[in-house]
């Protein structure tokens, strides 16, 4: 719709544009998790640890904000980016256990699922809500989510700075 072109023409630096995109995605992810948690509480969910649930939510939002930075630059048009986003999310969800729990998948798929940030997000939420993970047990999923977010954010930033033709 020309929004990015107008933003690029505005007196904003690249860092401001990236920070704005990242903040919008991060706050949206937090908002979704808050709404889902409230719904869960209304339906009788009682997390084992609210603190761990909050930390898990922040790490999940950070991971998917980084992923958004890469996915948002995979196409030249809004439709192209939308298609790439749907494809990436579908694969991450299928491998990560959204459609079939990982424990019911064939062994080779369980092994492959470690590449999906969705798997680590589910594990972090489960650890805080009903598995009663200790902080050392929470460390691995949280660390994987933070590293995923950081690496993807760095890749997205690099792509943003080098792929100027995407805004024409």
Protein backbone atom coordinates (compact mmCIF):
# COMPACT_ATOMS: atom_id res chain seq x y z
CA UNK A 1 0.00 0.00 0.00
CA UNK A 2 3.03 2.29 -0.13
CA UNK A 3 3.45 2.64 3.61
CA UNK A 4 7.09 1.56 3.59
CA UNK A 5 7.90 3.97 0.76
CA UNK A 6 6.37 6.84 2.76
CA UNK A 7 8.33 5.77 5.85
CA UNK A 8 11.56 5.59 3.85
CA UNK A 9 10.99 9.13 2.53
CA UNK A 10 10.23 10.48 6.02
CA UNK A 11 13.08 11.97 8.02
CA UNK A 12 13.65 8.72 9.91
CA UNK A 13 16.78 6.67 10.07
CA UNK A 14 16.87 2.96 9.33
CA UNK A 15 17.29 2.19 13.01
CA UNK A 16 14.06 4.06 13.83
CA UNK A 17 12.16 2.15 11.17
CA UNK A 18 13.46 -1.18 12.44
CA UNK A 19 12.78 -0.25 16.05
CA UNK A 20 9.21 0.74 15.17
CA UNK A 21 8.57 -2.50 13.30
CA UNK A 22 10.08 -4.54 16.11
CA UNK A 23 8.19 -2.72 18.86
CA UNK A 24 4.86 -3.14 17.06
CA UNK A 25 5.44 -6.87 16.61
CA UNK A 26 6.68 -7.35 20.18
CA UNK A 27 3.70 -5.51 21.70
CA UNK A 28 1.27 -7.41 19.48
CA UNK A 29 2.78 -10.74 20.57
CA UNK A 30 2.57 -9.70 24.23
CA UNK A 31 -1.05 -8.60 23.73
CA UNK A 32 -2.00 -11.95 22.19
CA UNK A 33 -0.34 -13.85 25.03
CA UNK A 34 -2.07 -11.71 27.64
CA UNK A 35 -5.45 -12.33 26.01
CA UNK A 36 -4.80 -16.07 25.80
CA UNK A 37 -3.70 -16.16 29.43
CA UNK A 38 -6.80 -14.27 30.57
CA UNK A 39 -8.97 -16.67 28.57
CA UNK A 40 -7.13 -19.61 30.11
CA UNK A 41 -7.65 -18.21 33.61
CA UNK A 42 -11.35 -17.73 32.90
CA UNK A 43 -11.51 -21.39 31.83
CA UNK A 44 -9.81 -22.59 35.00
CA UNK A 45 -6.10 -22.66 34.12
CA UNK A 46 -3.87 -22.08 37.14
CA UNK A 47 -0.21 -21.62 36.15
CA UNK A 48 2.35 -23.25 38.40
CA UNK A 49 4.39 -20.03 38.21
CA UNK A 50 3.17 -16.65 36.99
CA UNK A 51 6.73 -15.33 37.02
CA UNK A 52 7.96 -18.08 34.72
CA UNK A 53 4.93 -17.56 32.48
CA UNK A 54 5.75 -13.85 32.15
CA UNK A 55 9.41 -14.57 31.36
CA UNK A 56 8.38 -17.25 28.84
CA UNK A 57 5.99 -14.77 27.20
CA UNK A 58 8.71 -12.13 26.90
CA UNK A 59 11.16 -14.63 25.38
CA UNK A 60 8.53 -15.92 22.95
CA UNK A 61 7.70 -12.36 21.87
CA UNK A 62 11.41 -11.64 21.36
CA UNK A 63 11.89 -14.78 19.26
CA UNK A 64 8.93 -14.12 16.99
CA UNK A 65 9.84 -10.45 16.65
CA UNK A 66 13.21 -11.54 15.27
CA UNK A 67 11.55 -14.04 12.97
CA UNK A 68 9.21 -11.29 11.75
CA UNK A 69 12.21 -9.18 10.80
CA UNK A 70 13.37 -11.88 8.37
CA UNK A 71 9.96 -12.90 7.05
CA UNK A 72 8.93 -9.29 6.42
CA UNK A 73 11.74 -8.97 3.88
CA UNK A 74 11.20 -12.22 1.98
CA UNK A 75 9.05 -10.67 -0.74
CA UNK A 76 8.75 -7.54 -2.84
CA UNK A 77 5.01 -7.12 -2.34
CA UNK A 78 2.58 -7.36 0.56
CA UNK A 79 1.13 -10.52 -0.99
CA UNK A 80 4.58 -12.07 -1.39
CA UNK A 81 5.50 -11.41 2.22
CA UNK A 82 2.11 -12.69 3.36
CA UNK A 83 2.59 -15.94 1.47
CA UNK A 84 6.12 -16.39 2.80
CA UNK A 85 4.86 -15.70 6.32
CA UNK A 86 2.05 -18.25 6.06
CA UNK A 87 4.43 -20.86 4.66
CA UNK A 88 7.06 -20.26 7.36
CA UNK A 89 4.48 -20.26 10.16
CA UNK A 90 2.82 -23.42 8.86
CA UNK A 91 6.10 -25.32 8.76
CA UNK A 92 7.14 -24.08 12.21
CA UNK A 93 3.72 -24.98 13.63
CA UNK A 94 3.69 -28.46 12.07
CA UNK A 95 7.21 -29.29 13.25
CA UNK A 96 6.78 -27.57 16.61
CA UNK A 97 3.77 -29.51 17.86
CA UNK A 98 0.83 -27.18 17.23
CA UNK A 99 -1.01 -29.67 15.06
CA UNK A 100 0.15 -32.93 16.62
CA UNK A 101 1.99 -33.00 19.95
CA UNK A 102 5.69 -33.70 19.43
CA UNK A 103 5.59 -36.81 21.63
CA UNK A 104 3.17 -38.49 19.16
CA UNK A 105 5.32 -37.76 16.11
CA UNK A 106 7.68 -40.32 14.54
CA UNK A 107 11.16 -40.26 16.09
CA UNK A 108 12.78 -38.62 13.05
CA UNK A 109 10.21 -35.78 13.15
CA UNK A 110 10.77 -35.36 16.89
CA UNK A 111 14.48 -34.96 16.17
CA UNK A 112 13.78 -32.46 13.38
CA UNK A 113 11.39 -30.46 15.57
CA UNK A 114 14.27 -28.93 17.53
CA UNK A 115 14.68 -26.40 14.69
CA UNK A 116 11.18 -25.02 15.24
CA UNK A 117 10.89 -22.08 17.64
CA UNK A 118 7.25 -23.11 18.14
CA UNK A 119 8.45 -26.27 19.89
CA UNK A 120 10.54 -24.23 22.31
CA UNK A 121 7.71 -21.75 22.87
CA UNK A 122 5.29 -24.56 23.73
CA UNK A 123 7.86 -26.14 26.04
CA UNK A 124 8.45 -22.82 27.83
CA UNK A 125 4.71 -22.28 28.34
CA UNK A 126 4.17 -25.86 29.48
CA UNK A 127 7.08 -25.53 31.90
CA UNK A 128 5.51 -22.48 33.50
CA UNK A 129 1.89 -23.64 33.44
CA UNK A 130 1.72 -27.33 34.28
CA UNK A 131 5.10 -29.08 34.11
CA UNK A 132 6.39 -27.02 37.04
CA UNK A 133 9.88 -26.57 35.57
CA UNK A 134 12.57 -25.19 37.82
CA UNK A 135 14.49 -22.16 36.55
CA UNK A 136 17.38 -24.36 35.35
CA UNK A 137 14.87 -26.48 33.40
CA UNK A 138 13.35 -23.33 31.91
CA UNK A 139 16.78 -22.06 30.87
CA UNK A 140 17.16 -24.13 27.69
CA UNK A 141 13.84 -23.24 26.01
CA UNK A 142 14.20 -19.59 27.06
CA UNK A 143 17.77 -19.42 25.78
CA UNK A 144 16.84 -21.05 22.46
CA UNK A 145 14.03 -18.50 22.03
CA UNK A 146 16.28 -15.54 22.85
CA UNK A 147 19.08 -16.74 20.56
CA UNK A 148 16.57 -17.38 17.76
CA UNK A 149 15.19 -13.87 18.18
CA UNK A 150 18.63 -12.27 18.28
CA UNK A 151 20.01 -14.14 15.29
CA UNK A 152 16.89 -13.55 13.20
CA UNK A 153 16.82 -9.87 14.18
CA UNK A 154 20.45 -9.51 13.09
CA UNK A 155 19.74 -11.28 9.78
CA UNK A 156 16.63 -9.15 9.22
CA UNK A 157 18.57 -5.97 9.97
CA UNK A 158 21.26 -6.98 7.49
CA UNK A 159 18.63 -7.81 4.86
CA UNK A 160 16.87 -4.49 5.47
CA UNK A 161 20.07 -2.52 4.94
CA UNK A 162 21.17 -4.41 1.83
CA UNK A 163 17.84 -4.98 0.07
CA UNK A 164 16.86 -1.43 -0.90
CA UNK A 165 15.01 -2.52 -4.08
CA UNK A 166 12.25 -4.08 -1.98
CA UNK A 167 10.77 -0.64 -1.35
CA UNK A 168 10.45 0.48 -4.95
